[in-house]
Amino acid sequence: MVRLGRRLRALRNERMRSLQDIIASIGFAGTGFLRDAERGALLPTTATLHKIAHALDVELIDIVNVPEETPRSRLVEITRHLSQEALAELLQHAERLLPEEKKKK
């Protein structure tokens, strides 16, 4: 829960959004809920995390991803900052690296 809380705070700060902004966007009253979530004192439901992701203009995977954890997680984090064109190029390259049985037909 603490890692999730740190991630929520980092994304909120990256987007330069206040607790009040996010709470208003998701329709909650008071900032205590989000403050507690950012401290790791409570675990929001998946539905609430979806609302927070929408308010932050990120995807749910961006909230639950911990970039420091694994190379794959770091790659997911990097892709957050790529253009659609760069993502398409990266996806094409990645698909060429897949074993034949894993490739889409």
C-alpha atoms as a PDB file:
ATOM      1  CA  MET A   1       0.000   0.000   0.000  1.00  0.00           C
ATOM      2  CA  VAL A   2       2.865   2.356   0.731  1.00  0.00           C
ATOM      3  CA  ARG A   3       4.340   1.927  -2.767  1.00  0.00           C
ATOM      4  CA  LEU A   4       0.954   2.595  -4.323  1.00  0.00           C
ATOM      5  CA  GLY A   5       0.591   5.710  -2.190  1.00  0.00           C
ATOM      6  CA  ARG A   6       4.006   6.989  -3.217  1.00  0.00           C
ATOM      7  CA  ARG A   7       3.129   6.335  -6.843  1.00  0.00           C
ATOM      8  CA  LEU A   8      -0.163   8.227  -6.542  1.00  0.00           C
ATOM      9  CA  ARG A   9       1.629  11.209  -5.002  1.00  0.00           C
ATOM     10  CA  ALA A  10       4.404  11.133  -7.621  1.00  0.00           C
ATOM     11  CA  LEU A  11       1.918  11.088 -10.501  1.00  0.00           C
ATOM     12  CA  ARG A  12      -0.177  13.823  -8.914  1.00  0.00           C
ATOM     13  CA  ASN A  13       2.908  15.993  -8.406  1.00  0.00           C
ATOM     14  CA  GLU A  14       4.137  15.250 -11.940  1.00  0.00           C
ATOM     15  CA  ARG A  15       0.793  16.480 -13.265  1.00  0.00           C
ATOM     16  CA  MET A  16       0.970  19.475 -10.885  1.00  0.00           C
ATOM     17  CA  ARG A  17      -2.453  18.715  -9.447  1.00  0.00           C
ATOM     18  CA  SER A  18      -3.502  19.395  -5.879  1.00  0.00           C
ATOM     19  CA  LEU A  19      -5.300  16.962  -3.606  1.00  0.00           C
ATOM     20  CA  GLN A  20      -8.353  19.206  -3.906  1.00  0.00           C
ATOM     21  CA  ASP A  21      -8.249  19.055  -7.737  1.00  0.00           C
ATOM     22  CA  ILE A  22      -8.196  15.274  -7.818  1.00  0.00           C
ATOM     23  CA  ILE A  23     -10.844  14.860  -5.126  1.00  0.00           C
ATOM     24  CA  ALA A  24     -13.144  17.275  -6.985  1.00  0.00           C
ATOM     25  CA  SER A  25     -12.530  15.401 -10.245  1.00  0.00           C
ATOM     26  CA  ILE A  26     -13.504  12.039  -8.790  1.00  0.00           C
ATOM     27  CA  GLY A  27     -16.484  13.364  -6.851  1.00  0.00           C
ATOM     28  CA  PHE A  28     -15.291  12.760  -3.301  1.00  0.00           C
ATOM     29  CA  ALA A  29     -15.767  15.192  -0.429  1.00  0.00           C
ATOM     30  CA  GLY A  30     -12.665  16.277   1.469  1.00  0.00           C
ATOM     31  CA  THR A  31      -9.023  15.488   0.834  1.00  0.00           C
ATOM     32  CA  GLY A  32      -8.571  13.029   3.720  1.00  0.00           C
ATOM     33  CA  PHE A  33      -9.275   9.989   1.562  1.00  0.00           C
ATOM     34  CA  LEU A  34      -6.603  10.768  -1.019  1.00  0.00           C
ATOM     35  CA  ARG A  35      -4.155  11.967   1.616  1.00  0.00           C
ATOM     36  CA  ASP A  36      -4.565   8.629   3.444  1.00  0.00           C
ATOM     37  CA  ALA A  37      -4.160   6.707   0.181  1.00  0.00           C
ATOM     38  CA  GLU A  38      -0.957   8.599  -0.611  1.00  0.00           C
ATOM     39  CA  ARG A  39       0.397   7.782   2.853  1.00  0.00           C
ATOM     40  CA  GLY A  40      -0.421   4.107   2.350  1.00  0.00           C
ATOM     41  CA  ALA A  41      -2.957   4.123   5.172  1.00  0.00           C
ATOM     42  CA  LEU A  42      -5.756   2.813   2.941  1.00  0.00           C
ATOM     43  CA  LEU A  43      -6.079   0.942  -0.311  1.00  0.00           C
ATOM     44  CA  PRO A  44      -8.499   2.462  -2.843  1.00  0.00           C
ATOM     45  CA  THR A  45     -10.749   0.118  -4.780  1.00  0.00           C
ATOM     46  CA  THR A  46     -10.002  -0.607  -8.418  1.00  0.00           C
ATOM     47  CA  ALA A  47     -12.978   1.553  -9.400  1.00  0.00           C
ATOM     48  CA  THR A  48     -11.573   4.475  -7.415  1.00  0.00           C
ATOM     49  CA  LEU A  49      -8.108   3.956  -8.905  1.00  0.00           C
ATOM     50  CA  HIS A  50      -9.703   4.129 -12.369  1.00  0.00           C
ATOM     51  CA  LYS A  51     -11.288   7.465 -11.417  1.00  0.00           C
ATOM     52  CA  ILE A  52      -7.980   8.782 -10.085  1.00  0.00           C
ATOM     53  CA  ALA A  53      -6.189   7.636 -13.253  1.00  0.00           C
ATOM     54  CA  HIS A  54      -8.766   9.458 -15.363  1.00  0.00           C
ATOM     55  CA  ALA A  55      -8.392  12.604 -13.239  1.00  0.00           C
ATOM     56  CA  LEU A  56      -4.610  12.437 -13.676  1.00  0.00           C
ATOM     57  CA  ASP A  57      -4.923  11.687 -17.409  1.00  0.00           C
ATOM     58  CA  VAL A  58      -2.949   8.454 -17.066  1.00  0.00           C
ATOM     59  CA  GLU A  59      -3.851   4.803 -17.458  1.00  0.00           C
ATOM     60  CA  LEU A  60      -4.460   2.491 -14.518  1.00  0.00           C
ATOM     61  CA  ILE A  61      -1.261   0.602 -15.352  1.00  0.00           C
ATOM     62  CA  ASP A  62       0.652   3.846 -14.753  1.00  0.00           C
ATOM     63  CA  ILE A  63      -0.635   3.952 -11.183  1.00  0.00           C
ATOM     64  CA  VAL A  64       0.115   0.349 -10.272  1.00  0.00           C
ATOM     65  CA  ASN A  65       3.443   0.166 -12.132  1.00  0.00           C
ATOM     66  CA  VAL A  66       6.583   0.488  -9.980  1.00  0.00           C
ATOM     67  CA  PRO A  67       9.322   1.549 -12.427  1.00  0.00           C
ATOM     68  CA  GLU A  68      12.164   0.824 -10.000  1.00  0.00           C
ATOM     69  CA  GLU A  69      11.124  -2.807  -9.571  1.00  0.00           C
ATOM     70  CA  THR A  70      12.071  -4.553 -12.829  1.00  0.00           C
ATOM     71  CA  PRO A  71      13.366  -3.746 -16.322  1.00  0.00           C
ATOM     72  CA  ARG A  72       9.877  -4.489 -17.698  1.00  0.00           C
ATOM     73  CA  SER A  73       8.331  -2.014 -15.238  1.00  0.00           C
ATOM     74  CA  ARG A  74      10.926   0.581 -16.258  1.00  0.00           C
ATOM     75  CA  LEU A  75      10.031   0.024 -19.915  1.00  0.00           C
ATOM     76  CA  VAL A  76       6.342   0.524 -19.138  1.00  0.00           C
ATOM     77  CA  GLU A  77       7.235   3.807 -17.407  1.00  0.00           C
ATOM     78  CA  ILE A  78       9.316   4.997 -20.353  1.00  0.00           C
ATOM     79  CA  THR A  79       6.473   4.294 -22.776  1.00  0.00           C
ATOM     80  CA  ARG A  80       4.272   6.714 -20.813  1.00  0.00           C
ATOM     81  CA  HIS A  81       6.329   9.563 -22.220  1.00  0.00           C
ATOM     82  CA  LEU A  82       6.529   8.464 -25.858  1.00  0.00           C
ATOM     83  CA  SER A  83       4.518   9.878 -28.742  1.00  0.00           C
ATOM     84  CA  GLN A  84       1.936   7.707 -30.473  1.00  0.00           C
ATOM     85  CA  GLU A  85       4.296   7.364 -33.430  1.00  0.00           C
ATOM     86  CA  ALA A  86       7.177   6.240 -31.228  1.00  0.00           C
ATOM     87  CA  LEU A  87       4.885   3.775 -29.449  1.00  0.00           C
ATOM     88  CA  ALA A  88       3.780   2.290 -32.768  1.00  0.00           C
ATOM     89  CA  GLU A  89       7.413   1.879 -33.855  1.00  0.00           C
ATOM     90  CA  LEU A  90       8.384   0.312 -30.520  1.00  0.00           C
ATOM     91  CA  LEU A  91       5.426  -2.062 -30.710  1.00  0.00           C
ATOM     92  CA  GLN A  92       6.380  -3.186 -34.214  1.00  0.00           C
ATOM     93  CA  HIS A  93       9.933  -3.850 -33.099  1.00  0.00           C
ATOM     94  CA  ALA A  94       8.789  -5.700 -29.959  1.00  0.00           C
ATOM     95  CA  GLU A  95       6.440  -7.896 -31.985  1.00  0.00           C
ATOM     96  CA  ARG A  96       9.340  -8.915 -34.236  1.00  0.00           C
ATOM     97  CA  LEU A  97      11.209 -10.086 -31.118  1.00  0.00           C
ATOM     98  CA  LEU A  98       8.401 -12.391 -30.008  1.00  0.00           C
ATOM     99  CA  PRO A  99       8.751 -16.129 -30.525  1.00  0.00           C
ATOM    100  CA  GLU A 100       6.660 -17.302 -33.480  1.00  0.00           C
ATOM    101  CA  GLU A 101       4.059 -19.064 -31.303  1.00  0.00           C
ATOM    102  CA  LYS A 102       3.351 -15.810 -29.411  1.00  0.00           C
ATOM    103  CA  LYS A 103       2.880 -13.618 -32.468  1.00  0.00           C
ATOM    104  CA  LYS A 104      -0.630 -12.547 -33.414  1.00  0.00           C
ATOM    105  CA  LYS A 105      -1.927 -14.227 -36.534  1.00  0.00           C
END
